[in-house]
Each structure stands twice: as structure tokens, then as C-alpha cells.
N, C-alpha and C. Protein backbone atom coordinates (compact mmCIF):
# COMPACT_ATOMS: atom_id res chain seq x y z
N UNK A 1 140.58 -87.44 58.35
CA UNK A 1 141.66 -87.27 58.80
C UNK A 1 141.99 -85.66 57.69
N UNK A 2 142.05 -85.92 56.84
CA UNK A 2 143.30 -85.11 55.86
C UNK A 2 142.39 -83.52 56.32
N UNK A 3 141.15 -82.95 56.29
CA UNK A 3 140.94 -82.03 57.63
C UNK A 3 141.88 -81.58 58.91
N UNK A 4 141.74 -83.06 59.65
CA UNK A 4 142.47 -82.89 60.78
C UNK A 4 143.72 -83.13 60.91
N UNK A 5 144.73 -82.94 59.80
CA UNK A 5 145.80 -83.17 59.85
C UNK A 5 146.40 -81.38 59.08
N UNK A 6 145.05 -80.93 58.05
CA UNK A 6 145.30 -79.15 57.36
C UNK A 6 145.12 -78.74 59.00
N UNK A 7 144.46 -79.41 59.86
CA UNK A 7 143.68 -78.35 60.85
C UNK A 7 144.96 -77.80 62.12
N UNK A 8 145.56 -78.85 62.07
CA UNK A 8 146.39 -79.70 63.14
C UNK A 8 148.04 -79.32 62.78
N UNK A 9 147.93 -78.76 61.49
CA UNK A 9 149.23 -78.76 60.38
C UNK A 9 148.68 -77.03 61.07
N UNK A 10 147.91 -75.60 61.00
CA UNK A 10 147.86 -74.89 61.10
C UNK A 10 147.59 -74.71 62.14
N UNK A 11 147.30 -75.31 63.19
CA UNK A 11 147.02 -74.95 64.70
C UNK A 11 148.81 -74.31 65.12
N UNK A 12 149.76 -75.37 64.98
CA UNK A 12 151.50 -75.50 65.35
C UNK A 12 151.66 -74.67 65.01
N UNK A 13 151.51 -74.10 63.45
CA UNK A 13 151.93 -73.20 63.08
C UNK A 13 152.26 -71.54 63.56
N UNK A 14 151.21 -71.63 63.67
CA UNK A 14 150.45 -70.25 64.37
C UNK A 14 150.49 -69.97 66.07
N UNK A 15 150.65 -71.37 67.05
CA UNK A 15 150.89 -71.40 68.17
C UNK A 15 151.93 -71.22 68.60
N UNK A 16 153.26 -71.31 66.62
CA UNK A 16 154.75 -70.73 67.08
C UNK A 16 155.19 -69.72 67.91
N UNK A 17 154.13 -68.70 67.16
CA UNK A 17 154.46 -66.72 67.37
C UNK A 17 153.88 -67.00 68.61
N UNK A 18 153.09 -67.33 69.36
CA UNK A 18 152.33 -67.33 70.32
C UNK A 18 153.43 -66.88 71.27
N UNK A 19 154.19 -68.84 71.14
CA UNK A 19 155.55 -69.23 72.29
C UNK A 19 156.81 -68.48 72.86
N UNK A 20 157.17 -67.20 71.96
CA UNK A 20 157.72 -66.72 71.55
C UNK A 20 157.02 -65.31 72.51
N UNK A 21 156.18 -64.34 71.77
CA UNK A 21 156.05 -63.07 72.06
C UNK A 21 154.89 -62.90 73.12
N UNK A 22 155.55 -61.86 73.70
CA UNK A 22 155.52 -61.77 75.45
C UNK A 22 154.41 -60.79 75.48
N UNK A 23 153.75 -61.08 76.05
CA UNK A 23 151.86 -60.92 76.64
C UNK A 23 151.99 -60.88 78.05
N UNK A 24 152.81 -61.80 79.16
CA UNK A 24 152.28 -61.75 79.73
C UNK A 24 152.54 -59.99 81.12
N UNK A 25 153.38 -59.13 80.38
CA UNK A 25 153.17 -58.27 81.29
C UNK A 25 152.61 -57.11 81.26
N UNK A 26 152.37 -56.54 82.46
CA UNK A 26 151.53 -55.19 82.10
C UNK A 26 152.09 -54.16 81.78
N UNK A 27 151.02 -53.45 81.56
CA UNK A 27 151.39 -51.47 81.87
C UNK A 27 152.57 -51.32 81.00
N UNK A 28 152.52 -51.81 79.49
CA UNK A 28 153.31 -52.17 78.23
C UNK A 28 153.61 -50.99 77.40
N UNK A 29 154.54 -50.72 77.20
CA UNK A 29 154.34 -49.65 75.98
C UNK A 29 154.85 -50.85 74.66
N UNK A 30 153.80 -50.19 73.54
CA UNK A 30 154.81 -51.47 72.24
C UNK A 30 154.86 -50.17 70.96
N UNK A 31 155.81 -50.68 70.19
CA UNK A 31 155.73 -50.14 69.17
C UNK A 31 156.48 -51.21 67.83
N UNK A 32 155.42 -51.53 66.56
CA UNK A 32 156.20 -52.25 65.57
C UNK A 32 157.26 -51.31 64.82
N UNK A 33 158.28 -52.82 64.82
CA UNK A 33 159.15 -52.10 63.99
C UNK A 33 159.22 -53.40 62.58
N UNK A 34 159.69 -52.40 61.72
CA UNK A 34 159.91 -52.76 59.87
C UNK A 34 160.69 -53.38 59.62
N UNK A 35 161.24 -54.37 58.97
CA UNK A 35 162.40 -53.92 57.71
C UNK A 35 162.27 -55.28 56.63
N UNK A 36 162.62 -55.29 55.46
CA UNK A 36 161.85 -56.08 54.64
C UNK A 36 162.50 -57.37 54.80
N UNK A 37 163.29 -57.84 55.66
CA UNK A 37 163.47 -58.80 56.44
C UNK A 37 162.71 -59.48 57.98
N UNK A 38 161.86 -58.47 58.28
CA UNK A 38 160.84 -59.40 59.17
C UNK A 38 159.31 -58.98 59.22
N UNK A 39 158.96 -59.99 59.88
CA UNK A 39 157.46 -60.24 59.83
C UNK A 39 156.76 -60.05 61.71
N UNK A 40 155.83 -58.99 61.38
CA UNK A 40 155.06 -59.28 63.21
C UNK A 40 156.12 -58.50 64.06
N UNK A 41 157.92 -57.28 63.66
CA UNK A 41 158.27 -57.51 64.82
C UNK A 41 158.52 -56.35 65.38
N UNK A 42 158.94 -56.22 66.99
CA UNK A 42 157.99 -54.99 68.00
C UNK A 42 159.41 -55.06 68.75
N UNK A 43 159.54 -53.79 69.48
CA UNK A 43 159.72 -53.59 70.84
C UNK A 43 158.80 -53.20 71.89
N UNK A 44 159.02 -53.61 72.68
CA UNK A 44 158.22 -52.78 74.21
C UNK A 44 158.89 -52.75 75.44
N UNK A 45 158.39 -51.85 76.30
CA UNK A 45 158.73 -51.18 77.54
C UNK A 45 157.44 -51.31 78.94
N UNK A 46 157.60 -52.22 79.56
CA UNK A 46 156.81 -53.05 80.17
C UNK A 46 157.78 -52.52 81.79
N UNK A 47 156.35 -52.16 82.90
CA UNK A 47 156.52 -51.22 84.23
C UNK A 47 155.68 -52.70 84.71
N UNK A 48 156.19 -53.57 84.93
CA UNK A 48 155.50 -54.60 85.35
C UNK A 48 155.25 -54.86 87.16
N UNK A 49 153.86 -54.91 87.48
CA UNK A 49 153.37 -55.25 89.11
C UNK A 49 154.43 -55.81 89.54
N UNK A 50 155.09 -56.77 89.20
CA UNK A 50 155.35 -58.33 89.78
C UNK A 50 157.05 -58.20 89.08
N UNK A 51 157.68 -58.29 88.39
CA UNK A 51 158.94 -57.83 87.51
C UNK A 51 159.12 -56.38 87.73
N UNK A 52 158.97 -55.70 87.62
CA UNK A 52 159.44 -54.38 87.50
C UNK A 52 159.62 -54.23 85.93
N UNK A 53 160.89 -52.77 85.71
CA UNK A 53 160.56 -52.50 83.91
C UNK A 53 161.62 -54.01 83.67
N UNK A 54 160.79 -53.99 82.45
CA UNK A 54 161.34 -55.37 81.21
C UNK A 54 161.27 -54.32 80.15
N UNK A 55 162.24 -54.81 79.25
CA UNK A 55 162.47 -54.30 77.65
C UNK A 55 162.10 -55.61 77.22
N UNK A 56 161.52 -56.11 76.32
CA UNK A 56 161.91 -56.64 75.15
C UNK A 56 161.87 -56.00 73.45
N UNK A 57 162.47 -57.44 72.85
CA UNK A 57 162.43 -56.96 71.70
C UNK A 57 162.10 -58.12 70.95
N UNK A 58 160.90 -58.69 69.88
CA UNK A 58 160.41 -59.72 69.16
C UNK A 58 160.71 -59.48 67.82
N UNK A 59 161.37 -60.90 67.38
CA UNK A 59 162.30 -60.34 65.99
C UNK A 59 161.74 -61.98 65.16
N UNK A 60 160.43 -61.39 64.73
CA UNK A 60 160.70 -62.36 63.18
C UNK A 60 160.48 -62.50 62.16
N UNK A 61 162.21 -63.01 61.80
CA UNK A 61 162.46 -62.83 60.50
C UNK A 61 161.99 -63.71 59.33
N UNK A 62 161.65 -62.89 57.93
CA UNK A 62 161.22 -63.79 57.28
C UNK A 62 162.21 -65.14 56.56
N UNK A 63 161.79 -66.19 56.28
CA UNK A 63 162.07 -67.12 55.81
C UNK A 63 163.48 -67.16 54.65
N UNK A 64 163.45 -66.10 54.04
CA UNK A 64 163.78 -66.12 53.30
C UNK A 64 165.65 -64.96 53.61
N UNK A 65 165.10 -64.77 54.78
CA UNK A 65 166.16 -64.32 55.04
C UNK A 65 167.03 -64.99 56.47
N UNK A 66 168.64 -64.53 56.61
CA UNK A 66 169.70 -64.88 58.21
C UNK A 66 169.90 -63.84 58.55
N UNK A 67 170.04 -64.26 59.68
CA UNK A 67 171.15 -63.48 60.68
C UNK A 67 172.80 -63.49 60.21
N UNK A 68 173.65 -63.10 60.13
CA UNK A 68 174.78 -62.49 59.63
C UNK A 68 175.62 -62.78 61.47
N UNK A 69 175.41 -62.87 62.48
CA UNK A 69 176.00 -63.14 63.18
C UNK A 69 174.55 -64.24 64.77
N UNK A 70 174.55 -63.82 65.96
CA UNK A 70 174.07 -64.39 67.37
C UNK A 70 172.99 -62.81 67.25
N UNK A 71 172.30 -63.61 67.27
CA UNK A 71 171.88 -62.02 67.81
C UNK A 71 171.29 -61.49 69.03
N UNK A 72 171.49 -62.68 70.23
CA UNK A 72 172.38 -62.52 71.53
C UNK A 72 172.99 -61.41 71.52
N UNK A 73 174.17 -61.74 70.57
CA UNK A 73 175.21 -61.08 70.75
C UNK A 73 175.51 -59.89 69.95
N UNK A 74 174.69 -59.33 69.31
CA UNK A 74 174.55 -58.20 68.97
C UNK A 74 173.28 -57.19 69.63
N UNK A 75 172.43 -58.13 70.10
CA UNK A 75 171.57 -57.19 70.92
C UNK A 75 171.87 -56.55 72.21
N UNK A 76 173.66 -57.32 73.18
CA UNK A 76 173.71 -57.01 73.69
C UNK A 76 175.09 -55.15 73.58
N UNK A 77 175.53 -55.90 72.32
CA UNK A 77 176.29 -55.26 71.40
C UNK A 77 175.54 -53.40 71.89
N UNK A 78 174.41 -53.71 71.24
CA UNK A 78 173.87 -52.66 71.49
C UNK A 78 173.10 -51.92 72.51
N UNK A 79 172.81 -53.07 73.28
CA UNK A 79 172.95 -52.05 74.09
C UNK A 79 174.23 -51.68 75.41
N UNK A 80 175.15 -52.28 75.44
CA UNK A 80 176.75 -52.29 75.69
C UNK A 80 176.64 -50.06 75.81
N UNK A 81 176.35 -50.26 74.01
CA UNK A 81 176.77 -49.09 73.69
C UNK A 81 175.70 -47.99 73.66
N UNK A 82 174.49 -48.05 73.87
CA UNK A 82 173.86 -47.54 74.56
C UNK A 82 173.88 -46.52 75.28
N UNK A 83 173.75 -47.63 76.66
CA UNK A 83 173.61 -47.31 77.44
C UNK A 83 174.85 -46.91 78.51
N UNK A 84 175.96 -46.70 76.38
CA UNK A 84 177.47 -46.12 77.78
C UNK A 84 178.58 -46.72 78.50
N UNK A 85 178.59 -48.38 78.72
CA UNK A 85 178.76 -48.52 79.81
C UNK A 85 180.61 -48.55 79.20
N UNK A 86 181.32 -48.98 80.75
CA UNK A 86 182.33 -48.49 80.21
C UNK A 86 183.24 -50.36 80.49
N UNK A 87 182.56 -51.07 80.93
CA UNK A 87 182.77 -52.44 81.72
C UNK A 87 181.45 -53.04 81.37
N UNK A 88 180.94 -54.53 80.63
CA UNK A 88 179.75 -55.32 80.31
C UNK A 88 180.57 -56.63 80.73
N UNK A 89 180.67 -57.07 82.20
CA UNK A 89 180.68 -58.93 82.34
C UNK A 89 180.25 -59.46 82.34
N UNK A 90 180.08 -60.29 82.66
CA UNK A 90 179.11 -61.88 82.32
C UNK A 90 180.03 -62.01 83.92
N UNK A 91 178.61 -62.48 84.38
CA UNK A 91 179.36 -63.13 85.74
C UNK A 91 178.49 -64.26 85.23
N UNK A 92 177.37 -64.59 84.94
CA UNK A 92 176.44 -66.09 84.89
C UNK A 92 175.46 -66.38 84.06
N UNK A 93 175.21 -67.62 83.38
CA UNK A 93 174.56 -68.16 82.00
C UNK A 93 174.46 -69.02 81.84
N UNK A 94 172.77 -69.39 82.18
CA UNK A 94 171.95 -70.33 82.47
C UNK A 94 171.79 -70.94 81.02
N UNK A 95 171.70 -71.98 80.74
CA UNK A 95 170.71 -72.48 79.17
C UNK A 95 170.16 -73.50 79.45
N UNK A 96 168.50 -73.79 79.22
CA UNK A 96 167.67 -74.40 79.02
C UNK A 96 167.05 -74.91 77.67
N UNK A 97 166.81 -75.49 77.32
CA UNK A 97 166.12 -75.38 75.35
C UNK A 97 166.91 -74.98 74.81
N UNK A 98 165.73 -73.45 74.50
CA UNK A 98 165.77 -72.29 73.75
C UNK A 98 165.68 -71.58 74.78
N UNK A 99 166.58 -71.28 75.67
CA UNK A 99 165.91 -70.22 76.26
C UNK A 99 167.77 -69.65 76.70
N UNK A 100 167.97 -68.88 77.21
CA UNK A 100 169.83 -68.43 77.31
C UNK A 100 169.38 -67.47 78.20
N UNK A 101 169.92 -67.56 79.60
CA UNK A 101 169.50 -66.16 80.45
C UNK A 101 171.30 -65.84 81.41
N UNK A 102 171.48 -64.37 80.84
CA UNK A 102 172.99 -64.42 81.15
C UNK A 102 172.52 -62.99 82.43
N UNK A 103 173.49 -63.01 82.93
CA UNK A 103 173.66 -61.79 84.29
C UNK A 103 175.03 -61.19 84.10
N UNK A 104 174.73 -59.91 84.21
CA UNK A 104 175.70 -59.40 83.46
C UNK A 104 176.33 -58.25 84.39
N UNK A 105 177.57 -57.76 84.78
CA UNK A 105 177.97 -56.89 85.83
C UNK A 105 177.76 -55.23 85.19
N UNK A 106 178.10 -54.26 85.83
CA UNK A 106 177.93 -53.42 84.27
C UNK A 106 178.85 -52.38 85.62
N UNK A 107 180.09 -51.70 84.52
CA UNK A 107 180.63 -50.77 85.23
C UNK A 107 180.96 -50.89 87.13
N UNK A 108 181.07 -52.88 86.83
CA UNK A 108 181.61 -52.95 88.19
C UNK A 108 180.80 -52.01 89.29
N UNK A 109 179.49 -51.57 89.52
CA UNK A 109 178.93 -51.29 89.60
C UNK A 109 177.45 -52.14 89.80
N UNK A 110 176.75 -52.06 88.81
CA UNK A 110 175.53 -53.17 89.20
C UNK A 110 175.05 -54.16 88.11
N UNK A 111 174.04 -54.82 88.47
CA UNK A 111 173.74 -55.64 87.67
C UNK A 111 172.32 -55.99 86.97
N UNK A 112 172.43 -56.56 85.79
CA UNK A 112 171.46 -56.52 84.77
C UNK A 112 171.40 -57.95 84.12
N UNK A 113 170.29 -58.47 83.84
CA UNK A 113 169.87 -59.84 83.04
C UNK A 113 169.28 -59.45 81.68
N UNK A 114 169.65 -60.54 81.16
CA UNK A 114 170.05 -60.28 79.54
C UNK A 114 168.70 -61.71 79.10
N UNK A 115 167.63 -62.05 78.34
CA UNK A 115 167.20 -63.08 78.16
C UNK A 115 167.30 -63.28 76.91
N UNK A 116 167.41 -64.49 76.39
CA UNK A 116 167.45 -64.62 74.73
C UNK A 116 166.50 -65.88 74.50
N UNK A 117 165.80 -65.94 74.27
CA UNK A 117 164.51 -66.66 73.75
C UNK A 117 164.71 -66.64 71.95
N UNK A 118 164.66 -68.66 71.69
CA UNK A 118 165.06 -68.30 70.00
C UNK A 118 163.69 -69.49 69.33
N UNK A 119 163.76 -69.33 67.93
CA UNK A 119 163.22 -70.61 66.99
C UNK A 119 163.73 -70.67 66.07
N UNK A 120 163.61 -71.15 65.02
CA UNK A 120 164.45 -71.17 63.14
C UNK A 120 163.97 -69.07 63.37
N UNK A 121 163.51 -69.17 63.36
CA UNK A 121 163.09 -67.84 62.97
C UNK A 121 162.20 -66.56 63.35
N UNK A 122 162.44 -67.04 64.59
CA UNK A 122 161.84 -66.13 65.89
C UNK A 122 162.60 -65.91 66.63
N UNK A 123 163.40 -64.76 67.28
CA UNK A 123 164.24 -64.79 68.90
C UNK A 123 163.46 -63.14 69.81
N UNK A 124 163.54 -63.51 71.04
CA UNK A 124 162.58 -62.73 71.48
C UNK A 124 163.98 -62.58 72.51
N UNK A 125 164.49 -61.43 72.85
CA UNK A 125 165.32 -60.97 74.05
C UNK A 125 164.62 -59.95 74.66
N UNK A 126 165.13 -60.09 76.09
CA UNK A 126 164.43 -58.98 76.81
C UNK A 126 165.16 -58.85 78.05
N UNK A 127 165.60 -57.10 78.49
CA UNK A 127 166.13 -56.97 79.44
C UNK A 127 165.61 -56.59 80.37
N UNK A 128 166.47 -58.10 81.94
CA UNK A 128 165.46 -57.93 82.82
C UNK A 128 165.58 -57.01 84.32
N UNK A 129 165.34 -56.03 84.92
CA UNK A 129 166.39 -55.03 85.41
C UNK A 129 166.33 -55.49 86.48
N UNK A 130 165.51 -55.86 87.50
CA UNK A 130 165.10 -56.50 88.21
C UNK A 130 166.10 -57.96 88.76
N UNK A 131 165.67 -58.85 88.05
CA UNK A 131 166.62 -60.04 87.89
C UNK A 131 165.19 -61.07 87.84
N UNK A 132 164.00 -60.34 88.55
CA UNK A 132 162.62 -61.43 89.40
C UNK A 132 162.89 -62.70 88.21
N UNK A 133 162.48 -61.68 87.03
CA UNK A 133 161.48 -62.30 85.84
C UNK A 133 163.09 -63.58 85.35
N UNK A 134 163.76 -63.21 85.42
CA UNK A 134 164.78 -64.37 84.86
C UNK A 134 164.83 -65.56 86.07
N UNK A 135 165.00 -64.76 87.15
CA UNK A 135 164.72 -65.87 88.52
C UNK A 135 163.59 -67.03 88.55
N UNK A 136 163.07 -65.79 87.95
CA UNK A 136 161.20 -67.51 87.55
C UNK A 136 161.62 -68.39 86.75
N UNK A 137 161.67 -68.03 85.61
CA UNK A 137 162.04 -69.02 84.41
C UNK A 137 163.19 -70.14 84.64
N UNK A 138 164.33 -69.13 85.47
CA UNK A 138 165.25 -70.41 86.11
C UNK A 138 164.81 -71.56 86.24
N UNK A 139 164.02 -71.09 87.82
CA UNK A 139 162.65 -72.18 89.59
C UNK A 139 162.15 -73.09 88.22
N UNK A 140 161.80 -72.68 86.74
CA UNK A 140 160.36 -73.47 85.80
C UNK A 140 161.05 -74.26 85.95
N UNK A 141 162.72 -74.01 85.40
CA UNK A 141 163.45 -75.98 84.98
C UNK A 141 164.75 -76.40 85.89
N UNK A 142 165.10 -75.62 87.75
CA UNK A 142 165.63 -76.33 88.21
C UNK A 142 165.33 -75.02 89.65
N UNK A 143 164.32 -75.76 90.07
CA UNK A 143 164.05 -75.15 91.29
C UNK A 143 164.55 -74.89 92.78
N UNK A 144 165.72 -75.77 92.84
CA UNK A 144 166.57 -75.49 93.78
C UNK A 144 167.47 -74.22 93.38
N UNK A 145 167.42 -74.29 92.45
CA UNK A 145 168.16 -72.40 91.93
C UNK A 145 167.57 -71.62 92.53
N UNK A 146 169.25 -70.56 93.12
CA UNK A 146 169.52 -69.48 94.32
C UNK A 146 169.83 -68.70 93.37
N UNK A 147 168.93 -66.91 93.23
CA UNK A 147 170.08 -66.00 92.75
C UNK A 147 170.82 -65.34 92.93
N UNK A 148 171.98 -65.42 93.20
CA UNK A 148 172.79 -64.35 94.10
C UNK A 148 173.63 -63.13 93.63
N UNK A 149 172.52 -62.56 92.38
CA UNK A 149 172.97 -60.97 92.09
C UNK A 149 171.96 -60.47 92.66
N UNK A 150 170.76 -60.89 93.12
CA UNK A 150 169.45 -60.42 92.60
C UNK A 150 168.81 -59.25 93.98
N UNK A 151 169.59 -59.31 95.11
CA UNK A 151 170.11 -58.58 96.51
C UNK A 151 170.76 -57.68 95.62
N UNK A 152 171.62 -57.51 94.80
CA UNK A 152 173.07 -56.76 94.68
C UNK A 152 172.48 -55.32 93.98
N UNK A 153 173.04 -54.19 94.00
CA UNK A 153 172.61 -53.01 93.39
C UNK A 153 172.51 -54.18 91.97
N UNK A 154 171.25 -52.95 91.55
CA UNK A 154 170.85 -53.14 89.88
C UNK A 154 170.54 -51.90 88.20
N UNK A 155 171.13 -52.50 87.61
CA UNK A 155 171.32 -51.21 86.52
C UNK A 155 169.56 -50.77 86.69
N UNK A 156 169.49 -49.62 86.72
CA UNK A 156 168.55 -48.88 85.86
C UNK A 156 167.96 -47.64 84.73
N UNK A 157 169.00 -48.00 83.51
CA UNK A 157 168.44 -47.59 82.43
C UNK A 157 167.73 -47.92 82.04
N UNK A 158 167.73 -46.20 80.61
CA UNK A 158 166.54 -45.82 79.86
C UNK A 158 167.20 -47.24 78.39
N UNK A 159 166.28 -47.02 77.55
CA UNK A 159 166.77 -48.57 76.78
C UNK A 159 165.53 -49.18 75.77
N UNK A 160 165.65 -47.71 74.48
CA UNK A 160 164.35 -48.27 73.67
C UNK A 160 164.65 -47.99 72.61
N UNK A 161 165.89 -48.96 71.95
CA UNK A 161 166.63 -49.23 70.77
C UNK A 161 165.57 -50.93 70.43
N UNK A 162 166.14 -50.67 68.52
CA UNK A 162 166.03 -51.69 67.83
C UNK A 162 166.78 -52.53 66.75
N UNK A 163 167.51 -54.01 66.90
CA UNK A 163 167.64 -54.26 66.16
C UNK A 163 166.92 -54.08 65.05
N UNK A 164 166.27 -54.32 64.63
CA UNK A 164 165.54 -54.18 63.59
C UNK A 164 165.28 -53.11 63.30
N UNK A 165 165.49 -52.03 63.53
CA UNK A 165 165.42 -50.39 63.28
C UNK A 165 166.71 -50.27 62.98
N UNK A 166 168.39 -50.23 63.12
CA UNK A 166 169.24 -50.17 63.65
C UNK A 166 169.74 -51.66 62.28
N UNK A 167 168.90 -52.54 61.40
CA UNK A 167 169.20 -52.78 60.36
C UNK A 167 170.04 -52.48 59.61
N UNK A 168 169.18 -51.53 58.56
CA UNK A 168 169.58 -50.54 58.31
C UNK A 168 171.08 -49.67 58.21
N UNK A 169 171.76 -49.74 59.26
CA UNK A 169 173.12 -48.86 59.18
C UNK A 169 174.29 -50.84 59.94
N UNK A 170 173.25 -51.67 60.45
CA UNK A 170 174.24 -52.52 60.85
C UNK A 170 174.20 -53.17 59.98
N UNK A 171 173.52 -53.87 59.66
CA UNK A 171 173.60 -55.75 58.74
C UNK A 171 173.74 -56.56 59.88
N UNK A 172 172.58 -56.11 60.74
CA UNK A 172 172.60 -57.87 61.64
C UNK A 172 171.61 -58.44 60.52
N UNK A 173 170.70 -58.90 60.16
CA UNK A 173 170.11 -59.88 58.79
C UNK A 173 170.15 -59.85 57.58
N UNK A 174 170.70 -60.41 56.87
CA UNK A 174 170.14 -59.80 55.01
C UNK A 174 169.57 -61.10 54.55
N UNK A 175 169.02 -60.60 53.59
CA UNK A 175 167.88 -61.58 52.72
C UNK A 175 169.05 -62.60 52.06
N UNK A 176 169.10 -63.65 51.94
CA UNK A 176 169.97 -64.89 51.49
C UNK A 176 169.88 -64.36 49.61
N UNK A 177 171.06 -64.52 48.73
CA UNK A 177 170.99 -64.46 47.58
C UNK A 177 170.71 -65.94 47.17
N UNK A 178 170.06 -65.89 46.56
CA UNK A 178 169.59 -67.42 45.17
C UNK A 178 170.15 -67.45 44.34
N UNK A 179 170.77 -68.53 43.94
CA UNK A 179 171.11 -68.40 42.53
C UNK A 179 170.72 -69.29 41.33
N UNK A 180 170.40 -69.34 40.99
CA UNK A 180 169.68 -69.66 39.64
C UNK A 180 170.31 -70.43 38.87
N UNK A 181 169.54 -71.99 38.69
CA UNK A 181 170.29 -72.51 37.36
C UNK A 181 169.96 -71.89 35.92
N UNK A 182 170.84 -71.95 35.11
CA UNK A 182 171.14 -71.50 33.48
C UNK A 182 170.08 -73.22 32.91
């Protein structure tokens, strides 16, 4: 019984990472990112046959660290600053379990989707330029969903920044201070 429970424990722990890490896209350029607060984090850019251009950042925080705010908010701000948008308006947000899918109107001309998947110490943040991947995720939860922004002009930008790499400047997450009893 102990062997079975040990096996179950290690299997459950190992599958936690696999659920958020994206390996489903084709033609992917991936770079590992490092910070004293992260474990096995990376950014990737895919030119997928089915979904088009997809940017992903997977962040696995060490259990001794914490975010100083909302990871999705930091990600959106860094993206907005990088593409130098004049306006960035949320037009739709859909949430299911630990997944948040947002559609933004950029500079009143084009649309982009940002996906946030999260767990206790893990975040997967995705820029879905064409909106097809986002639509497919939503349809897994609500098969009657119709994406009214899918056929509108879509944002085509070059983005390959990282919250992990920019953490030393912006302090998105920090090691928690520990108090020691005397």
C-alpha cells in the first residue's frame, strides 16, 4: 500500500508540470529563462500549422517565492509596452477553472488574444495572434461559443520578451522573507 501511495504521489507531482507546459505547437523556437525564483521556465515562439503564430511563457516559481501582483497583468503590461501600443482595450474575457482567455483591441485597429493558465506555483501565458487556439479552448468548455473577433483584423507583432528575464528590473516576483524565532 505504501509503495502504491508513493507511486501515486510522484506521478501526481510530475504531471502537474505537464498540464501547463505547451508541447502541442509545431515549428517552435524555445529558450529557457532563469531567475533565482524560477524552476524550468521558458519562452517559446511557434508558427503552428493550425494556429498560426503563438508566443508562450511558462513560469514555474520556486515555492519560496511569490508574485508581487497578478501574473497576467504583468504580462499584458510588458506586451503593451513592447509593441508600443497607444490603446489596448479589453473587449472580451472568458474564464473556466484555472484558464482565463482575453481578447484585446489594439490601437482601435486589430485584435489579439491573451491566455492565462495558472496553478499555485505555475503560470502559462500565451499570446494567440490569430485567435484560433483561444477559440478551440473555449469550445472545449462551451461548444456553442462563437468568436465574433476571429474574422476581424488581427495584430501581427514581434514579441519575444520574458517576465522572468525582466524580473531583475521590475520585481514581478520575489523570495519571501522568512522570520526566525529566537
